[in-house]
Protein backbone atom coordinates (compact mmCIF):
# COMPACT_ATOMS: atom_id res chain seq x y z
CA MET A 1 -0.06 0.22 0.02
CA VAL A 2 2.79 2.32 0.85
CA ARG A 3 4.79 1.45 -2.39
CA ARG A 4 1.24 2.41 -4.34
CA ARG A 5 1.21 5.83 -2.85
CA ARG A 6 4.72 6.76 -3.49
CA LEU A 7 4.16 5.79 -7.10
CA LEU A 8 1.04 7.96 -7.41
CA ALA A 9 3.09 10.69 -5.69
CA SER A 10 5.79 10.30 -8.39
CA VAL A 11 3.13 10.62 -11.37
CA GLY A 12 1.58 13.89 -9.58
CA LEU A 13 5.02 15.32 -10.00
CA LEU A 14 5.50 14.42 -13.54
CA ALA A 15 2.15 15.86 -14.18
CA VAL A 16 3.29 19.48 -12.95
CA PRO A 17 5.89 20.13 -15.63
CA ALA A 18 3.76 19.08 -18.30
CA ALA A 19 0.94 21.41 -17.53
CA GLY A 20 3.32 24.54 -17.41
CA CYS A 21 4.59 23.56 -21.03
CA THR A 22 0.80 23.46 -22.07
CA ASP A 23 0.33 26.92 -20.61
CA ASP A 24 3.40 28.35 -22.33
CA ALA A 25 2.01 27.02 -25.69
CA ASP A 26 -1.04 28.80 -25.23
CA THR A 27 0.90 31.94 -24.70
CA GLY A 28 2.75 31.89 -27.63
CA ALA A 29 -0.60 31.47 -29.86
CA GLU A 30 -2.00 34.49 -28.24
CA ALA A 31 1.34 36.19 -29.55
CA ASP A 32 0.93 35.18 -33.10
CA GLU A 33 -2.56 36.49 -33.36
CA ALA A 34 -1.58 39.72 -32.19
CA ASP A 35 0.60 40.08 -35.36
CA THR A 36 -0.58 42.65 -38.07
CA ASP A 37 0.26 42.57 -41.80
CA ALA A 38 0.71 46.49 -42.28
CA GLY A 39 3.77 47.53 -43.88
CA PRO A 40 5.48 51.06 -44.46
CA ASP A 41 4.26 51.16 -47.89
CA ASP A 42 0.72 50.56 -47.16
CA VAL A 43 -0.70 53.85 -46.33
CA GLY A 44 -3.77 54.09 -48.80
CA THR A 45 -6.42 55.58 -46.69
CA ASP A 46 -9.77 53.82 -46.00
CA ALA A 47 -12.02 57.01 -46.50
CA THR A 48 -15.45 57.23 -45.16
CA THR A 49 -17.82 56.96 -47.62
CA PRO A 50 -20.96 59.51 -47.63
CA THR A 51 -24.27 57.96 -47.46
CA ASP A 52 -25.59 60.61 -50.00
CA ALA A 53 -25.16 59.24 -53.31
CA GLU A 54 -25.65 62.59 -55.26
CA ALA A 55 -21.64 62.33 -54.95
CA ASP A 56 -21.04 63.70 -58.29
CA ASP A 57 -21.87 67.26 -57.45
CA ALA A 58 -20.43 67.36 -54.00
CA ALA A 59 -18.77 70.24 -52.84
CA ALA A 60 -15.46 70.09 -50.65
CA THR A 61 -14.97 71.53 -47.24
CA ASP A 62 -12.64 74.60 -46.80
CA ARG A 63 -8.66 73.87 -47.33
CA GLY A 64 -7.03 71.62 -44.61
CA THR A 65 -10.05 69.45 -43.96
CA PRO A 66 -9.88 66.41 -46.43
CA THR A 67 -12.58 66.28 -48.99
CA PRO A 68 -15.10 63.25 -47.96
CA THR A 69 -14.80 60.55 -50.85
CA ALA A 70 -17.56 60.10 -53.03
CA ALA A 71 -19.36 56.69 -53.09
CA VAL A 72 -17.60 54.24 -55.23
CA ASP A 73 -20.26 51.45 -55.76
CA ASP A 74 -21.48 52.90 -58.87
CA LEU A 75 -18.23 53.51 -60.47
CA ASP A 76 -16.51 51.96 -63.21
CA LEU A 77 -13.38 50.43 -61.63
CA ARG A 78 -11.72 49.76 -64.90
CA GLU A 79 -10.85 53.48 -64.96
CA ALA A 80 -8.77 55.46 -62.46
CA ASN A 81 -11.35 57.17 -60.60
CA VAL A 82 -10.82 60.41 -58.49
CA THR A 83 -12.92 60.19 -55.14
CA GLY A 84 -11.29 62.72 -53.24
CA VAL A 85 -9.14 65.91 -53.14
CA ASP A 86 -7.42 68.19 -50.48
CA VAL A 87 -5.51 71.19 -51.09
CA GLU A 88 -3.23 73.18 -48.98
CA ALA A 89 -1.31 76.38 -50.25
CA SER A 90 2.55 76.89 -49.41
CA GLY A 91 3.93 79.83 -51.01
CA ASP A 92 3.73 79.35 -54.95
CA GLU A 93 3.13 75.73 -54.73
CA TYR A 94 -0.18 73.99 -53.63
CA ARG A 95 0.04 70.32 -52.20
CA PHE A 96 -2.59 68.29 -53.58
CA SER A 97 -3.60 64.91 -51.69
CA VAL A 98 -5.57 62.78 -54.20
CA THR A 99 -7.71 59.65 -53.40
CA LEU A 100 -7.92 57.41 -56.35
CA ILE A 101 -9.78 54.24 -56.52
CA HIS A 102 -9.08 51.64 -59.56
CA ASP A 103 -9.33 47.66 -59.64
CA ASP A 104 -5.62 46.94 -59.75
CA ASP A 105 -6.43 43.45 -58.78
CA GLY A 106 -8.85 42.48 -61.51
CA GLU A 107 -7.26 44.51 -64.35
CA ASP A 108 -3.96 43.77 -66.59
CA GLY A 109 -2.74 47.33 -65.92
CA TYR A 110 -2.85 49.53 -62.60
CA ALA A 111 -3.45 53.27 -62.01
CA ASP A 112 -0.19 54.38 -62.48
CA TRP A 113 -0.71 58.19 -62.05
CA TRP A 114 -2.85 61.11 -61.49
CA GLN A 115 -2.21 64.58 -62.87
CA VAL A 116 -3.36 68.12 -62.46
CA GLU A 117 -4.15 70.48 -65.37
CA THR A 118 -5.55 73.99 -66.45
CA LEU A 119 -8.73 74.37 -67.62
CA ASP A 120 -7.46 74.22 -71.10
CA GLY A 121 -5.82 70.71 -70.64
CA ARG A 122 -2.11 71.88 -69.97
CA ARG A 123 -0.72 69.80 -67.37
CA VAL A 124 1.18 71.28 -64.67
CA GLY A 125 1.82 68.41 -62.21
CA ARG A 126 1.84 64.56 -61.94
CA ARG A 127 2.41 62.13 -59.11
CA ASP A 128 3.72 58.73 -60.25
CA LEU A 129 2.47 55.58 -58.80
CA ALA A 130 5.23 52.91 -59.02
CA HIS A 131 3.12 49.76 -58.13
CA PRO A 132 -0.69 48.47 -57.88
CA HIS A 133 -2.69 49.39 -54.69
CA GLY A 134 -5.34 46.55 -54.86
CA THR A 135 -8.86 47.58 -55.40
CA ARG A 136 -9.12 50.09 -52.57
CA GLU A 137 -9.44 53.97 -52.11
CA PHE A 138 -5.50 55.04 -51.48
CA THR A 139 -4.44 58.50 -51.24
CA ARG A 140 -1.03 60.18 -52.50
CA SER A 141 0.25 63.85 -52.24
CA GLU A 142 2.43 65.92 -54.75
CA ALA A 143 3.31 69.68 -54.57
CA VAL A 144 2.30 71.67 -57.70
CA SER A 145 2.83 75.06 -59.26
CA PRO A 146 -0.30 76.07 -61.21
CA PRO A 147 0.61 78.82 -63.78
CA GLU A 148 0.08 82.33 -62.48
CA GLY A 149 -3.45 83.50 -62.66
CA ALA A 150 -4.68 80.02 -62.60
CA ASP A 151 -7.64 79.94 -59.96
CA CYS A 152 -9.39 76.70 -61.19
CA VAL A 153 -7.70 73.33 -62.06
CA VAL A 154 -8.72 69.76 -63.14
CA VAL A 155 -7.39 66.56 -61.37
CA ARG A 156 -7.69 63.28 -63.33
CA GLY A 157 -6.44 59.71 -62.86
CA HIS A 158 -4.70 57.52 -65.43
CA ASP A 159 -4.43 53.92 -65.71
CA GLN A 160 -2.00 51.56 -67.93
CA THR A 161 -5.00 49.84 -69.95
CA HIS A 162 -7.67 52.66 -70.33
CA GLY A 163 -5.78 55.76 -69.93
CA TYR A 164 -7.80 58.67 -68.82
CA GLY A 165 -11.56 58.32 -67.89
CA GLY A 166 -13.87 57.84 -65.05
CA ARG A 167 -14.40 60.42 -62.55
CA ALA A 168 -12.08 63.58 -62.62
CA ALA A 169 -12.11 66.47 -59.92
CA VAL A 170 -12.38 70.16 -60.52
CA VAL A 171 -10.67 72.36 -57.76
CA ALA A 172 -11.11 75.84 -56.87
CA LEU A 173 -7.25 76.62 -55.54
CA ASP A 174 -8.21 79.27 -53.16
CA SER A 175 -11.03 77.77 -51.63
CA GLY A 176 -10.05 74.06 -51.70
CA ALA A 177 -13.76 73.47 -52.87
CA THR A 178 -13.91 70.17 -55.36
CA ARG A 179 -16.49 69.47 -57.74
CA LEU A 180 -16.47 65.60 -58.89
CA ARG A 181 -17.35 65.06 -62.65
CA ARG A 182 -17.98 62.05 -64.56
CA GLN A 183 -15.82 61.74 -68.19
CA GLY A 184 -17.08 58.49 -69.56
CA GLU A 185 -14.35 56.13 -70.80
CA SER A 186 -12.16 58.67 -72.27
CA TRP A 187 -10.78 62.33 -71.46
CA SER A 188 -13.26 64.93 -71.35
CA ALA A 189 -12.79 68.84 -71.34
CA PHE A 190 -14.03 70.93 -68.63
CA ASP A 191 -14.59 74.66 -68.71
CA ALA A 192 -15.10 77.75 -66.04
CA SER A 193 -18.81 76.43 -65.56
CA ASP A 194 -17.48 73.29 -64.02
CA CYS A 195 -15.44 75.02 -61.40
CA PRO A 196 -17.04 75.11 -57.76
CA ASN A 197 -17.87 78.28 -55.81
CA ARG A 198 -16.68 80.52 -58.68
CA GLY A 199 -18.16 83.76 -57.37
CA SER A 200 -16.81 83.52 -53.94
CA TYR A 201 -13.27 82.50 -54.04
CA ARG A 202 -12.50 85.31 -56.97
CA ARG A 203 -12.32 87.65 -53.81
CA ARG A 204 -9.59 86.03 -52.41
CA MET A 205 -7.02 86.05 -55.17
CA ARG A 206 -3.95 84.38 -55.10
CA PRO A 207 -0.90 86.66 -53.96
CA SER A 208 1.49 87.67 -56.38
CA ARG A 209 5.14 86.10 -56.57
CA SER A 210 6.68 89.69 -55.43
CA HIS A 211 4.63 89.51 -52.57
CA LEU A 212 6.30 85.88 -51.70
CA SER A 213 9.75 86.75 -52.07
């Protein structure tokens, strides 16, 4: 009887380290679950989509506040669509932060740049995109120097397969107001009538270069 008790006690001692190993294994699994897949290059924004479907004629907020992105459910994602623009003035330059969406996953080519144009179609700045960004909204920024006297510009996306098309943005530089416009499947011209809040921002003229020196 004494010998059996000693044997049971030995078995109990062996079970204690085994339980400790089991607890360590659980802790490791929890640590693995805490890992994230965010990388330094994954800086696209997941912008909030407004509930109002009338997004083609949406007005931007004042400069310094990002423009809410337009609803994307009804967009042709074969095109590089502009869904939001934020503009910030700095001396002679304006820093454009442009949000695009394109089906980089399902198309042969990807959205490879966005550009800023004058109303007569002359390009004054471009941001190249070096790689695909999936099928999600993402934002990239670039400083642009529009020509003297330009107070309204066009922002367009471009993709490798279809070129220009989809939704573009017409932006009032001095107010930062943005109007989103559909182009269809190709490049479309815009004019002064497409500029948002044209009557109000003309009262705040861009300072001349002599005042900035």
